[in-house]
Amino acid sequence: MLTIASLKKGQRAIMMEFSVDTVPLKLLDMGCLPGNEVALVQTAPFQDPLYLNINGSHLAIRKETAAQIEIELID
């Protein structure tokens, strides 16, 4: 199972279904929704948090939250 936490810098993916209980509502309001494109822009020095581009918006999320969101890589 691939998750956002497993992305490498520059990789792009499509977010798949995930449990609303595991993802904060604030992230849902900011566009972190199934079907949206996500790309890893960079990581902090200790690999947490992750800096993401989600449909043109830049967000920083914790690695533990990113590990709850399944993805499908874009070739």
C-alpha atoms as a PDB file:
ATOM      1  CA  MET A   1       0.000   0.000   0.000  1.00  0.00           C
ATOM      2  CA  LEU A   2       1.480   3.326  -1.071  1.00  0.00           C
ATOM      3  CA  THR A   3       0.796   6.413   1.015  1.00  0.00           C
ATOM      4  CA  ILE A   4       1.745  10.072   0.789  1.00  0.00           C
ATOM      5  CA  ALA A   5       4.457   9.352   3.376  1.00  0.00           C
ATOM      6  CA  SER A   6       6.169   7.024   0.866  1.00  0.00           C
ATOM      7  CA  LEU A   7       6.468   9.662  -1.884  1.00  0.00           C
ATOM      8  CA  LYS A   8       9.926  10.746  -2.982  1.00  0.00           C
ATOM      9  CA  LYS A   9      10.744  14.373  -3.812  1.00  0.00           C
ATOM     10  CA  GLY A  10       9.152  15.360  -7.134  1.00  0.00           C
ATOM     11  CA  GLN A  11       6.876  12.304  -7.387  1.00  0.00           C
ATOM     12  CA  ARG A  12       3.216  12.893  -8.202  1.00  0.00           C
ATOM     13  CA  ALA A  13       0.218  10.777  -7.279  1.00  0.00           C
ATOM     14  CA  ILE A  14      -3.563  10.745  -7.050  1.00  0.00           C
ATOM     15  CA  MET A  15      -5.093  10.466  -3.587  1.00  0.00           C
ATOM     16  CA  MET A  16      -7.327   7.440  -3.142  1.00  0.00           C
ATOM     17  CA  GLU A  17     -10.069   6.823  -0.596  1.00  0.00           C
ATOM     18  CA  PHE A  18      -9.206   7.334   3.078  1.00  0.00           C
ATOM     19  CA  SER A  19     -11.011   7.442   6.388  1.00  0.00           C
ATOM     20  CA  VAL A  20     -12.247  10.900   7.336  1.00  0.00           C
ATOM     21  CA  ASP A  21     -11.617   9.935  10.977  1.00  0.00           C
ATOM     22  CA  THR A  22      -7.840   9.741  10.407  1.00  0.00           C
ATOM     23  CA  VAL A  23      -7.426  13.009   8.503  1.00  0.00           C
ATOM     24  CA  PRO A  24      -8.086  16.347  10.237  1.00  0.00           C
ATOM     25  CA  LEU A  25     -11.067  18.270   8.830  1.00  0.00           C
ATOM     26  CA  LYS A  26      -8.809  21.273   8.224  1.00  0.00           C
ATOM     27  CA  LEU A  27      -6.898  19.261   5.588  1.00  0.00           C
ATOM     28  CA  LEU A  28     -10.154  18.299   3.880  1.00  0.00           C
ATOM     29  CA  ASP A  29     -11.133  21.987   3.749  1.00  0.00           C
ATOM     30  CA  MET A  30      -7.761  22.785   2.139  1.00  0.00           C
ATOM     31  CA  GLY A  31      -8.283  20.347  -0.748  1.00  0.00           C
ATOM     32  CA  CYS A  32      -6.866  17.106   0.603  1.00  0.00           C
ATOM     33  CA  LEU A  33      -9.613  15.019  -1.013  1.00  0.00           C
ATOM     34  CA  PRO A  34      -9.746  11.693  -2.875  1.00  0.00           C
ATOM     35  CA  GLY A  35      -9.103  12.161  -6.591  1.00  0.00           C
ATOM     36  CA  ASN A  36      -6.883  15.222  -6.159  1.00  0.00           C
ATOM     37  CA  GLU A  37      -3.288  15.266  -7.350  1.00  0.00           C
ATOM     38  CA  VAL A  38      -0.497  15.478  -4.777  1.00  0.00           C
ATOM     39  CA  ALA A  39       3.252  16.019  -5.241  1.00  0.00           C
ATOM     40  CA  LEU A  40       6.029  16.016  -2.657  1.00  0.00           C
ATOM     41  CA  VAL A  41       7.855  19.348  -2.812  1.00  0.00           C
ATOM     42  CA  GLN A  42      10.300  18.758   0.048  1.00  0.00           C
ATOM     43  CA  THR A  43      10.695  17.352   3.550  1.00  0.00           C
ATOM     44  CA  ALA A  44      11.936  18.928   6.753  1.00  0.00           C
ATOM     45  CA  PRO A  45      15.405  17.925   8.045  1.00  0.00           C
ATOM     46  CA  PHE A  46      14.115  14.959  10.091  1.00  0.00           C
ATOM     47  CA  GLN A  47      11.623  13.932   7.350  1.00  0.00           C
ATOM     48  CA  ASP A  48       8.695  15.435   9.269  1.00  0.00           C
ATOM     49  CA  PRO A  49       6.605  17.410   8.259  1.00  0.00           C
ATOM     50  CA  LEU A  50       6.166  16.887   4.525  1.00  0.00           C
ATOM     51  CA  TYR A  51       5.685  19.897   2.249  1.00  0.00           C
ATOM     52  CA  LEU A  52       3.126  19.021  -0.444  1.00  0.00           C
ATOM     53  CA  ASN A  53       1.556  20.568  -3.511  1.00  0.00           C
ATOM     54  CA  ILE A  54      -2.101  19.529  -3.650  1.00  0.00           C
ATOM     55  CA  ASN A  55      -3.877  20.814  -6.763  1.00  0.00           C
ATOM     56  CA  GLY A  56      -1.755  23.968  -6.747  1.00  0.00           C
ATOM     57  CA  SER A  57      -2.010  24.634  -3.007  1.00  0.00           C
ATOM     58  CA  HIS A  58       1.014  24.158  -0.772  1.00  0.00           C
ATOM     59  CA  LEU A  59       0.474  22.344   2.527  1.00  0.00           C
ATOM     60  CA  ALA A  60       2.702  20.964   5.251  1.00  0.00           C
ATOM     61  CA  ILE A  61       1.402  17.835   6.975  1.00  0.00           C
ATOM     62  CA  ARG A  62       2.827  15.482   9.562  1.00  0.00           C
ATOM     63  CA  LYS A  63       4.269  12.211   8.373  1.00  0.00           C
ATOM     64  CA  GLU A  64       1.917  10.196  10.609  1.00  0.00           C
ATOM     65  CA  THR A  65      -1.088  11.850   8.927  1.00  0.00           C
ATOM     66  CA  ALA A  66       0.452  11.359   5.466  1.00  0.00           C
ATOM     67  CA  ALA A  67       0.822   7.644   6.236  1.00  0.00           C
ATOM     68  CA  GLN A  68      -2.989   7.368   6.504  1.00  0.00           C
ATOM     69  CA  ILE A  69      -3.700   8.626   2.966  1.00  0.00           C
ATOM     70  CA  GLU A  70      -3.394   6.034   0.204  1.00  0.00           C
ATOM     71  CA  ILE A  71      -2.180   7.098  -3.220  1.00  0.00           C
ATOM     72  CA  GLU A  72      -1.732   5.816  -6.752  1.00  0.00           C
ATOM     73  CA  LEU A  73       1.450   7.024  -8.490  1.00  0.00           C
ATOM     74  CA  ILE A  74       1.270   8.948 -11.748  1.00  0.00           C
ATOM     75  CA  ASP A  75       3.822   7.771 -14.336  1.00  0.00           C
END
